[in-house]
Structures are given as structure tokens and as C-alpha cells.
Amino acid sequence: MKLYVAGIGCGSRDGITLEAERAVLDSDIVVGYTVYTEQIKRFYPEKECISTGMKQERERVELALENAAGGKKVALVCSGDSQLYGMAGLAIELSVNYPGVDIEVIAGVSAAFSGGAVLGAPMTHDLALISLSDLLTPMEKIIKRLRCAAEGDFVIALYNPSSKKRADYLQKACDIVLGYRSPETVCGIVSNIGREGQSSRILTLGELRDTQVDMFTTVFIGNSETKVVNGKMVTPRGYRNV
């Protein structure tokens, strides 16, 4: 009775760690959101996959736990990392109803780091990762976190920056950060990380405010020391004694 909760990176076969791949190959069933199981089917066509739609996270985890409790090895897959905005926490919480299931959490490469690598090296110092989606988190809390991160001069990576129903959320987030940082602050965006159509751009915070993005874009807001070197976005770590 085994349940792997595995982060499978941002979309490419190369972005899946060897540990996550071993978990998928060792499993009888792979469970995940439709987009992620389709990805698994492309890479491992022999695997049996069960998918659920958007906003069905609890049902997805229950399905994985039920199959594991029934004696099967199951891989519950998440994009990026299995903890960060993934299913690992919920799986452990719900596992109290499935005491015989052994859960193994397997890390993956989150968009903050795979996307950051596309831009250069913006994530070399203290940072904050914040989702602008208010489906699970009250907007008041998101706003407070943005203000604290901006005031603390953290490099900020924004997940879920916009959607059809939240078209102005990135603009509002930029307005909050602009209360603490210059409009010339170096920023970056990466879309479709690791997938066909990947694109990236380095721009200023002032330009970012008026830029349209979608749910497949990760946004990077530099701190007061972030700069552009040879076309790459980089945040110096310090190395004052070097």
C-alpha cells in the first residue's frame, strides 16, 4: 500500500527528476490533474492514468489514497514541486483515514527555479513565492504578503498571475510593489516553461504593470540589487569578501 506524491517539473521530459521517474515507473496507477496525466501518457504511454479536473484536488487525493489502500502502488503527480502548491500536504492530511498507506513525498523542480534559470539567476538570495490565485487564499492575505515581501526587499516570484476572471491581478500586485520599489526595478516573465512555445522577457517593474500574462506565465520581480548582465537577469548574493 504505497503512495508516491511526485513533482514532475514544468513540462519537459528533461525536467523530471530521476527519483520522480522511478516513482512513476514503479507505480501501477498514475493519478493527477488532466494536464499532468496527459504529460505522463506522452512520456510513459504504457502507464495507466486516472485524471480529475480543475478544482477537484480533494477528490484527486482521495482517489489516489483509495487505490493505494486497495493494494496498488500509486503515483499522485503534481506540476513543479509536490509540496509547493502541490498535493503532498493534502495527501498527508487525508492519510489519517488510510492508516495503512505509506506516503513518500518526492520533490520536483518548481517554476520559480526552472523559470529563473531561463532568465539567468534572479533567485540567488532571499526570496518570496506568492500565488495571486484567490481560490484557496483570501485576497486580503495575498495583499498583506505582497506588501511584506516588497517592504522586505525580497525577490518575488508570482504564480498564477492572471486569468480571464482575474485579468487585473498582476497590475494590482505591481501597484503594491511600486509602493516600495522603483519603476526601474528589473523584472522578468517566462511562459510555458519547458514546453512548446516557451518564451521569456526581461523588463522593468513599470513595464510589467501594463503587460498581459496568463496562467502559464511565472513572473519574477527583482529586489533593489537585481540587475541585467549580458542580457541575463541576476540578483547578486553578496560575496563581499571575494
C-alpha atoms as a PDB file:
ATOM      1  CA  MET A   1       0.000   0.000   0.000  1.00  0.00           C
ATOM      2  CA  LYS A   2       2.213   2.749  -1.370  1.00  0.00           C
ATOM      3  CA  LEU A   3       1.505   6.316  -2.469  1.00  0.00           C
ATOM      4  CA  TYR A   4       4.171   8.417  -4.117  1.00  0.00           C
ATOM      5  CA  VAL A   5       3.414  12.142  -4.297  1.00  0.00           C
ATOM      6  CA  ALA A   6       5.759  13.304  -7.016  1.00  0.00           C
ATOM      7  CA  GLY A   7       6.596  16.662  -8.520  1.00  0.00           C
ATOM      8  CA  ILE A   8       7.215  16.230 -12.246  1.00  0.00           C
ATOM      9  CA  GLY A   9       8.638  19.623 -13.133  1.00  0.00           C
ATOM     10  CA  CYS A  10       7.229  22.157 -15.545  1.00  0.00           C
ATOM     11  CA  GLY A  11       6.523  20.221 -18.714  1.00  0.00           C
ATOM     12  CA  SER A  12       9.550  18.682 -20.373  1.00  0.00           C
ATOM     13  CA  ARG A  13      10.841  15.139 -20.032  1.00  0.00           C
ATOM     14  CA  ASP A  14      14.223  16.593 -19.115  1.00  0.00           C
ATOM     15  CA  GLY A  15      12.630  18.455 -16.200  1.00  0.00           C
ATOM     16  CA  ILE A  16      11.521  15.254 -14.442  1.00  0.00           C
ATOM     17  CA  THR A  17      13.996  14.119 -11.819  1.00  0.00           C
ATOM     18  CA  LEU A  18      15.276  10.552 -11.838  1.00  0.00           C
ATOM     19  CA  GLU A  19      13.581   9.983  -8.483  1.00  0.00           C
ATOM     20  CA  ALA A  20      10.191  11.130  -9.804  1.00  0.00           C
ATOM     21  CA  GLU A  21      10.623   8.997 -12.917  1.00  0.00           C
ATOM     22  CA  ARG A  22      11.388   5.931 -10.791  1.00  0.00           C
ATOM     23  CA  ALA A  23       8.218   6.567  -8.777  1.00  0.00           C
ATOM     24  CA  VAL A  24       6.084   6.763 -11.913  1.00  0.00           C
ATOM     25  CA  LEU A  25       7.626   3.646 -13.401  1.00  0.00           C
ATOM     26  CA  ASP A  26       7.227   1.743 -10.126  1.00  0.00           C
ATOM     27  CA  SER A  27       3.522   2.603  -9.845  1.00  0.00           C
ATOM     28  CA  ASP A  28       0.538   0.597 -11.062  1.00  0.00           C
ATOM     29  CA  ILE A  29      -1.570   3.750 -11.492  1.00  0.00           C
ATOM     30  CA  VAL A  30      -0.776   7.431 -12.009  1.00  0.00           C
ATOM     31  CA  VAL A  31      -3.329   9.936 -10.683  1.00  0.00           C
ATOM     32  CA  GLY A  32      -3.315  13.656 -11.443  1.00  0.00           C
ATOM     33  CA  TYR A  33      -4.902  16.723 -12.934  1.00  0.00           C
ATOM     34  CA  THR A  34      -5.772  16.154 -16.592  1.00  0.00           C
ATOM     35  CA  VAL A  35      -2.931  18.301 -17.980  1.00  0.00           C
ATOM     36  CA  TYR A  36      -0.358  16.391 -15.937  1.00  0.00           C
ATOM     37  CA  THR A  37      -1.634  12.893 -16.720  1.00  0.00           C
ATOM     38  CA  GLU A  38      -1.602  13.767 -20.425  1.00  0.00           C
ATOM     39  CA  GLN A  39       2.028  14.711 -19.968  1.00  0.00           C
ATOM     40  CA  ILE A  40       2.717  11.361 -18.289  1.00  0.00           C
ATOM     41  CA  LYS A  41       0.970   9.495 -21.122  1.00  0.00           C
ATOM     42  CA  ARG A  42       3.246  11.178 -23.666  1.00  0.00           C
ATOM     43  CA  PHE A  43       6.381  10.229 -21.801  1.00  0.00           C
ATOM     44  CA  TYR A  44       5.277   6.824 -20.446  1.00  0.00           C
ATOM     45  CA  PRO A  45       2.489   5.561 -22.759  1.00  0.00           C
ATOM     46  CA  GLU A  46       2.306   2.192 -21.031  1.00  0.00           C
ATOM     47  CA  LYS A  47       1.176   3.682 -17.691  1.00  0.00           C
ATOM     48  CA  GLU A  48      -2.452   3.553 -16.583  1.00  0.00           C
ATOM     49  CA  CYS A  49      -3.573   7.102 -15.740  1.00  0.00           C
ATOM     50  CA  ILE A  50      -6.617   8.448 -13.913  1.00  0.00           C
ATOM     51  CA  SER A  51      -7.325  12.163 -14.121  1.00  0.00           C
ATOM     52  CA  THR A  52      -9.577  14.716 -12.447  1.00  0.00           C
ATOM     53  CA  GLY A  53     -10.378  18.277 -13.473  1.00  0.00           C
ATOM     54  CA  MET A  54      -9.612  21.693 -12.073  1.00  0.00           C
ATOM     55  CA  LYS A  55     -10.795  22.413  -8.507  1.00  0.00           C
ATOM     56  CA  GLN A  56     -11.063  18.677  -7.723  1.00  0.00           C
ATOM     57  CA  GLU A  57      -7.958  18.440  -5.580  1.00  0.00           C
ATOM     58  CA  ARG A  58      -9.605  16.673  -2.652  1.00  0.00           C
ATOM     59  CA  GLU A  59     -11.309  14.139  -4.922  1.00  0.00           C
ATOM     60  CA  ARG A  60      -7.994  13.533  -6.687  1.00  0.00           C
ATOM     61  CA  VAL A  61      -6.138  12.829  -3.457  1.00  0.00           C
ATOM     62  CA  GLU A  62      -8.929  10.611  -2.103  1.00  0.00           C
ATOM     63  CA  LEU A  63      -8.849   8.638  -5.355  1.00  0.00           C
ATOM     64  CA  ALA A  64      -5.117   8.112  -5.051  1.00  0.00           C
ATOM     65  CA  LEU A  65      -5.353   7.085  -1.394  1.00  0.00           C
ATOM     66  CA  GLU A  66      -8.242   4.689  -2.058  1.00  0.00           C
ATOM     67  CA  ASN A  67      -6.283   2.915  -4.785  1.00  0.00           C
ATOM     68  CA  ALA A  68      -3.195   2.734  -2.577  1.00  0.00           C
ATOM     69  CA  ALA A  69      -5.277   1.368   0.314  1.00  0.00           C
ATOM     70  CA  GLY A  70      -6.592  -1.251  -2.105  1.00  0.00           C
ATOM     71  CA  GLY A  71      -3.110  -2.650  -2.514  1.00  0.00           C
ATOM     72  CA  LYS A  72      -1.810  -0.793  -5.552  1.00  0.00           C
ATOM     73  CA  LYS A  73       1.268   1.351  -5.921  1.00  0.00           C
ATOM     74  CA  VAL A  74       0.065   4.816  -6.900  1.00  0.00           C
ATOM     75  CA  ALA A  75       1.865   7.933  -8.123  1.00  0.00           C
ATOM     76  CA  LEU A  76      -0.025  11.156  -7.437  1.00  0.00           C
ATOM     77  CA  VAL A  77       1.685  13.635  -9.760  1.00  0.00           C
ATOM     78  CA  CYS A  78       1.904  17.415  -9.412  1.00  0.00           C
ATOM     79  CA  SER A  79       3.482  20.029 -11.660  1.00  0.00           C
ATOM     80  CA  GLY A  80       6.686  21.581 -10.433  1.00  0.00           C
ATOM     81  CA  ASP A  81       7.263  20.509  -6.831  1.00  0.00           C
ATOM     82  CA  SER A  82       4.946  18.189  -4.913  1.00  0.00           C
ATOM     83  CA  GLN A  83       4.858  20.461  -1.843  1.00  0.00           C
ATOM     84  CA  LEU A  84       4.710  23.982  -3.281  1.00  0.00           C
ATOM     85  CA  TYR A  85       1.106  24.464  -4.417  1.00  0.00           C
ATOM     86  CA  GLY A  86       1.067  20.674  -4.826  1.00  0.00           C
ATOM     87  CA  MET A  87      -0.777  17.719  -3.344  1.00  0.00           C
ATOM     88  CA  ALA A  88       1.728  16.482  -0.764  1.00  0.00           C
ATOM     89  CA  GLY A  89       0.256  18.399   2.173  1.00  0.00           C
ATOM     90  CA  LEU A  90      -3.327  17.408   1.418  1.00  0.00           C
ATOM     91  CA  ALA A  91      -2.318  13.786   0.885  1.00  0.00           C
ATOM     92  CA  ILE A  92      -0.682  13.650   4.311  1.00  0.00           C
ATOM     93  CA  GLU A  93      -3.662  15.388   5.943  1.00  0.00           C
ATOM     94  CA  LEU A  94      -6.178  12.959   4.429  1.00  0.00           C
ATOM     95  CA  SER A  95      -3.998   9.925   5.069  1.00  0.00           C
ATOM     96  CA  VAL A  96      -5.329   9.771   8.661  1.00  0.00           C
ATOM     97  CA  ASN A  97      -8.282   7.931   7.135  1.00  0.00           C
ATOM     98  CA  TYR A  98      -5.965   5.471   5.382  1.00  0.00           C
ATOM     99  CA  PRO A  99      -3.542   4.379   8.142  1.00  0.00           C
ATOM    100  CA  GLY A 100      -2.077   1.531   6.120  1.00  0.00           C
ATOM    101  CA  VAL A 101      -0.877   3.692   3.240  1.00  0.00           C
ATOM    102  CA  ASP A 102       2.826   4.512   3.150  1.00  0.00           C
ATOM    103  CA  ILE A 103       3.298   8.007   1.672  1.00  0.00           C
ATOM    104  CA  GLU A 104       6.575   9.044   0.081  1.00  0.00           C
ATOM    105  CA  VAL A 105       6.916  12.691  -0.955  1.00  0.00           C
ATOM    106  CA  ILE A 106       9.204  13.297  -3.925  1.00  0.00           C
ATOM    107  CA  ALA A 107      10.439  16.808  -4.682  1.00  0.00           C
ATOM    108  CA  GLY A 108      10.412  18.366  -8.128  1.00  0.00           C
ATOM    109  CA  VAL A 109      11.766  21.487  -9.789  1.00  0.00           C
ATOM    110  CA  SER A 110       9.362  24.370  -9.223  1.00  0.00           C
ATOM    111  CA  ALA A 111       8.641  27.045 -11.856  1.00  0.00           C
ATOM    112  CA  ALA A 112      10.415  29.628  -9.707  1.00  0.00           C
ATOM    113  CA  PHE A 113      13.702  27.854 -10.343  1.00  0.00           C
ATOM    114  CA  SER A 114      13.236  26.382 -13.809  1.00  0.00           C
ATOM    115  CA  GLY A 115      11.848  29.732 -14.987  1.00  0.00           C
ATOM    116  CA  GLY A 116      14.523  31.649 -13.120  1.00  0.00           C
ATOM    117  CA  ALA A 117      17.176  29.623 -14.938  1.00  0.00           C
ATOM    118  CA  VAL A 118      15.661  30.658 -18.276  1.00  0.00           C
ATOM    119  CA  LEU A 119      16.082  34.319 -17.296  1.00  0.00           C
ATOM    120  CA  GLY A 120      19.534  33.880 -15.752  1.00  0.00           C
ATOM    121  CA  ALA A 121      19.938  33.816 -11.971  1.00  0.00           C
ATOM    122  CA  PRO A 122      17.348  36.033 -10.262  1.00  0.00           C
ATOM    123  CA  MET A 123      16.730  33.674  -7.326  1.00  0.00           C
ATOM    124  CA  THR A 124      20.175  33.673  -5.708  1.00  0.00           C
ATOM    125  CA  HIS A 125      19.193  35.412  -2.468  1.00  0.00           C
ATOM    126  CA  ASP A 126      16.266  35.530  -0.013  1.00  0.00           C
ATOM    127  CA  LEU A 127      13.006  35.254  -1.895  1.00  0.00           C
ATOM    128  CA  ALA A 128       9.229  35.038  -1.608  1.00  0.00           C
ATOM    129  CA  LEU A 129       6.967  32.789  -3.652  1.00  0.00           C
ATOM    130  CA  ILE A 130       3.385  34.087  -3.819  1.00  0.00           C
ATOM    131  CA  SER A 131       0.362  32.858  -5.748  1.00  0.00           C
ATOM    132  CA  LEU A 132      -2.080  35.519  -6.912  1.00  0.00           C
ATOM    133  CA  SER A 133      -4.894  32.984  -7.131  1.00  0.00           C
ATOM    134  CA  ASP A 134      -7.560  33.698  -4.534  1.00  0.00           C
ATOM    135  CA  LEU A 135      -9.413  30.404  -4.995  1.00  0.00           C
ATOM    136  CA  LEU A 136      -7.891  28.990  -1.806  1.00  0.00           C
ATOM    137  CA  THR A 137      -6.392  32.090  -0.168  1.00  0.00           C
ATOM    138  CA  PRO A 138      -8.317  35.277   0.743  1.00  0.00           C
ATOM    139  CA  MET A 139      -7.225  38.289  -1.288  1.00  0.00           C
ATOM    140  CA  GLU A 140      -6.637  40.265   1.924  1.00  0.00           C
ATOM    141  CA  LYS A 141      -3.954  37.761   2.919  1.00  0.00           C
ATOM    142  CA  ILE A 142      -2.362  37.832  -0.547  1.00  0.00           C
ATOM    143  CA  ILE A 143      -2.172  41.628  -0.414  1.00  0.00           C
ATOM    144  CA  LYS A 144      -0.568  41.549   3.041  1.00  0.00           C
ATOM    145  CA  ARG A 145       2.028  39.023   1.882  1.00  0.00           C
ATOM    146  CA  LEU A 146       2.847  41.118  -1.186  1.00  0.00           C
ATOM    147  CA  ARG A 147       3.332  44.215   0.956  1.00  0.00           C
ATOM    148  CA  CYS A 148       5.559  42.405   3.431  1.00  0.00           C
ATOM    149  CA  ALA A 149       7.663  40.847   0.665  1.00  0.00           C
ATOM    150  CA  ALA A 150       8.020  44.179  -1.114  1.00  0.00           C
ATOM    151  CA  GLU A 151       8.917  46.041   2.071  1.00  0.00           C
ATOM    152  CA  GLY A 152      11.442  43.350   2.979  1.00  0.00           C
ATOM    153  CA  ASP A 153      13.173  43.728  -0.404  1.00  0.00           C
ATOM    154  CA  PHE A 154      12.687  40.075  -1.258  1.00  0.00           C
ATOM    155  CA  VAL A 155      12.971  38.847  -4.815  1.00  0.00           C
ATOM    156  CA  ILE A 156       9.385  37.798  -5.595  1.00  0.00           C
ATOM    157  CA  ALA A 157       8.147  35.031  -7.878  1.00  0.00           C
ATOM    158  CA  LEU A 158       4.447  35.271  -8.674  1.00  0.00           C
ATOM    159  CA  TYR A 159       2.478  32.167  -9.577  1.00  0.00           C
ATOM    160  CA  ASN A 160      -0.982  32.234 -11.219  1.00  0.00           C
ATOM    161  CA  PRO A 161      -0.572  35.915 -12.089  1.00  0.00           C
ATOM    162  CA  SER A 162      -3.667  36.292 -14.238  1.00  0.00           C
ATOM    163  CA  SER A 163      -6.696  34.570 -15.739  1.00  0.00           C
ATOM    164  CA  LYS A 164      -9.872  35.563 -17.571  1.00  0.00           C
ATOM    165  CA  LYS A 165     -11.595  36.257 -14.264  1.00  0.00           C
ATOM    166  CA  ARG A 166      -8.510  37.896 -12.717  1.00  0.00           C
ATOM    167  CA  ALA A 167      -7.231  39.938 -15.659  1.00  0.00           C
ATOM    168  CA  ASP A 168      -6.040  42.860 -13.496  1.00  0.00           C
ATOM    169  CA  TYR A 169      -4.455  40.945 -10.600  1.00  0.00           C
ATOM    170  CA  LEU A 170      -0.879  41.352 -11.829  1.00  0.00           C
ATOM    171  CA  GLN A 171      -1.434  45.074 -12.316  1.00  0.00           C
ATOM    172  CA  LYS A 172      -2.725  45.354  -8.753  1.00  0.00           C
ATOM    173  CA  ALA A 173       0.249  43.355  -7.455  1.00  0.00           C
ATOM    174  CA  CYS A 174       2.674  45.637  -9.283  1.00  0.00           C
ATOM    175  CA  ASP A 175       0.956  48.699  -7.812  1.00  0.00           C
ATOM    176  CA  ILE A 176       1.558  47.284  -4.325  1.00  0.00           C
ATOM    177  CA  VAL A 177       5.242  46.592  -5.032  1.00  0.00           C
ATOM    178  CA  LEU A 178       5.672  50.019  -6.643  1.00  0.00           C
ATOM    179  CA  GLY A 179       4.876  51.496  -3.250  1.00  0.00           C
ATOM    180  CA  TYR A 180       8.252  50.169  -2.095  1.00  0.00           C
ATOM    181  CA  ARG A 181      10.383  49.845  -5.244  1.00  0.00           C
ATOM    182  CA  SER A 182      11.467  51.893  -8.215  1.00  0.00           C
ATOM    183  CA  PRO A 183       9.607  51.525 -11.536  1.00  0.00           C
ATOM    184  CA  GLU A 184      13.043  50.663 -12.985  1.00  0.00           C
ATOM    185  CA  THR A 185      13.327  47.511 -10.846  1.00  0.00           C
ATOM    186  CA  VAL A 186      14.420  44.610 -13.059  1.00  0.00           C
ATOM    187  CA  CYS A 187      11.712  42.003 -13.625  1.00  0.00           C
ATOM    188  CA  GLY A 188      11.189  39.005 -15.865  1.00  0.00           C
ATOM    189  CA  ILE A 189       8.432  36.779 -17.207  1.00  0.00           C
ATOM    190  CA  VAL A 190       8.611  33.221 -18.541  1.00  0.00           C
ATOM    191  CA  SER A 191       5.695  31.481 -20.247  1.00  0.00           C
ATOM    192  CA  ASN A 192       5.197  27.766 -20.965  1.00  0.00           C
ATOM    193  CA  ILE A 193       8.339  26.795 -19.090  1.00  0.00           C
ATOM    194  CA  GLY A 194       9.816  23.599 -20.513  1.00  0.00           C
ATOM    195  CA  ARG A 195       7.014  23.221 -23.041  1.00  0.00           C
ATOM    196  CA  GLU A 196       6.489  24.023 -26.690  1.00  0.00           C
ATOM    197  CA  GLY A 197       6.173  27.767 -27.157  1.00  0.00           C
ATOM    198  CA  GLN A 198       8.382  28.709 -24.215  1.00  0.00           C
ATOM    199  CA  SER A 199       9.097  32.435 -24.211  1.00  0.00           C
ATOM    200  CA  SER A 200      10.742  34.894 -21.855  1.00  0.00           C
ATOM    201  CA  ARG A 201      11.308  38.594 -21.450  1.00  0.00           C
ATOM    202  CA  ILE A 202      13.241  40.884 -19.129  1.00  0.00           C
ATOM    203  CA  LEU A 203      11.532  44.212 -18.407  1.00  0.00           C
ATOM    204  CA  THR A 204      11.127  46.867 -15.742  1.00  0.00           C
ATOM    205  CA  LEU A 205       8.554  46.853 -12.980  1.00  0.00           C
ATOM    206  CA  GLY A 206       6.874  49.830 -14.629  1.00  0.00           C
ATOM    207  CA  GLU A 207       6.603  47.894 -17.899  1.00  0.00           C
ATOM    208  CA  LEU A 208       5.461  44.750 -16.115  1.00  0.00           C
ATOM    209  CA  ARG A 209       2.487  46.604 -14.653  1.00  0.00           C
ATOM    210  CA  ASP A 210       0.997  47.036 -18.129  1.00  0.00           C
ATOM    211  CA  THR A 211       1.949  43.611 -19.505  1.00  0.00           C
ATOM    212  CA  GLN A 212      -0.664  40.959 -20.201  1.00  0.00           C
ATOM    213  CA  VAL A 213       0.174  37.467 -18.952  1.00  0.00           C
ATOM    214  CA  ASP A 214      -1.721  34.217 -18.404  1.00  0.00           C
ATOM    215  CA  MET A 215      -1.861  31.264 -16.013  1.00  0.00           C
ATOM    216  CA  PHE A 216       1.049  29.600 -17.802  1.00  0.00           C
ATOM    217  CA  THR A 217       3.361  32.506 -17.000  1.00  0.00           C
ATOM    218  CA  THR A 218       5.624  32.868 -13.978  1.00  0.00           C
ATOM    219  CA  VAL A 219       6.548  36.429 -13.015  1.00  0.00           C
ATOM    220  CA  PHE A 220       9.820  37.464 -11.377  1.00  0.00           C
ATOM    221  CA  ILE A 221      10.197  40.794  -9.570  1.00  0.00           C
ATOM    222  CA  GLY A 222      13.772  41.620  -8.650  1.00  0.00           C
ATOM    223  CA  ASN A 223      14.955  43.241  -5.442  1.00  0.00           C
ATOM    224  CA  SER A 224      16.805  46.548  -5.152  1.00  0.00           C
ATOM    225  CA  GLU A 225      20.072  44.915  -6.277  1.00  0.00           C
ATOM    226  CA  THR A 226      18.806  42.804  -9.180  1.00  0.00           C
ATOM    227  CA  LYS A 227      20.351  43.830 -12.499  1.00  0.00           C
ATOM    228  CA  VAL A 228      20.844  42.775 -16.120  1.00  0.00           C
ATOM    229  CA  VAL A 229      24.260  41.413 -17.104  1.00  0.00           C
ATOM    230  CA  ASN A 230      24.865  40.355 -20.706  1.00  0.00           C
ATOM    231  CA  GLY A 231      21.149  40.012 -21.289  1.00  0.00           C
ATOM    232  CA  LYS A 232      20.606  37.904 -18.160  1.00  0.00           C
ATOM    233  CA  MET A 233      18.628  38.798 -15.032  1.00  0.00           C
ATOM    234  CA  VAL A 234      20.784  38.319 -11.950  1.00  0.00           C
ATOM    235  CA  THR A 235      20.467  39.084  -8.244  1.00  0.00           C
ATOM    236  CA  PRO A 236      23.888  39.366  -6.571  1.00  0.00           C
ATOM    237  CA  ARG A 237      24.201  37.230  -3.477  1.00  0.00           C
ATOM    238  CA  GLY A 238      26.900  39.390  -1.987  1.00  0.00           C
ATOM    239  CA  TYR A 239      30.299  37.716  -1.855  1.00  0.00           C
ATOM    240  CA  ARG A 240      31.659  40.896  -0.298  1.00  0.00           C
ATOM    241  CA  ASN A 241      34.936  39.217   0.572  1.00  0.00           C
ATOM    242  CA  VAL A 242      35.565  37.843  -2.932  1.00  0.00           C
END
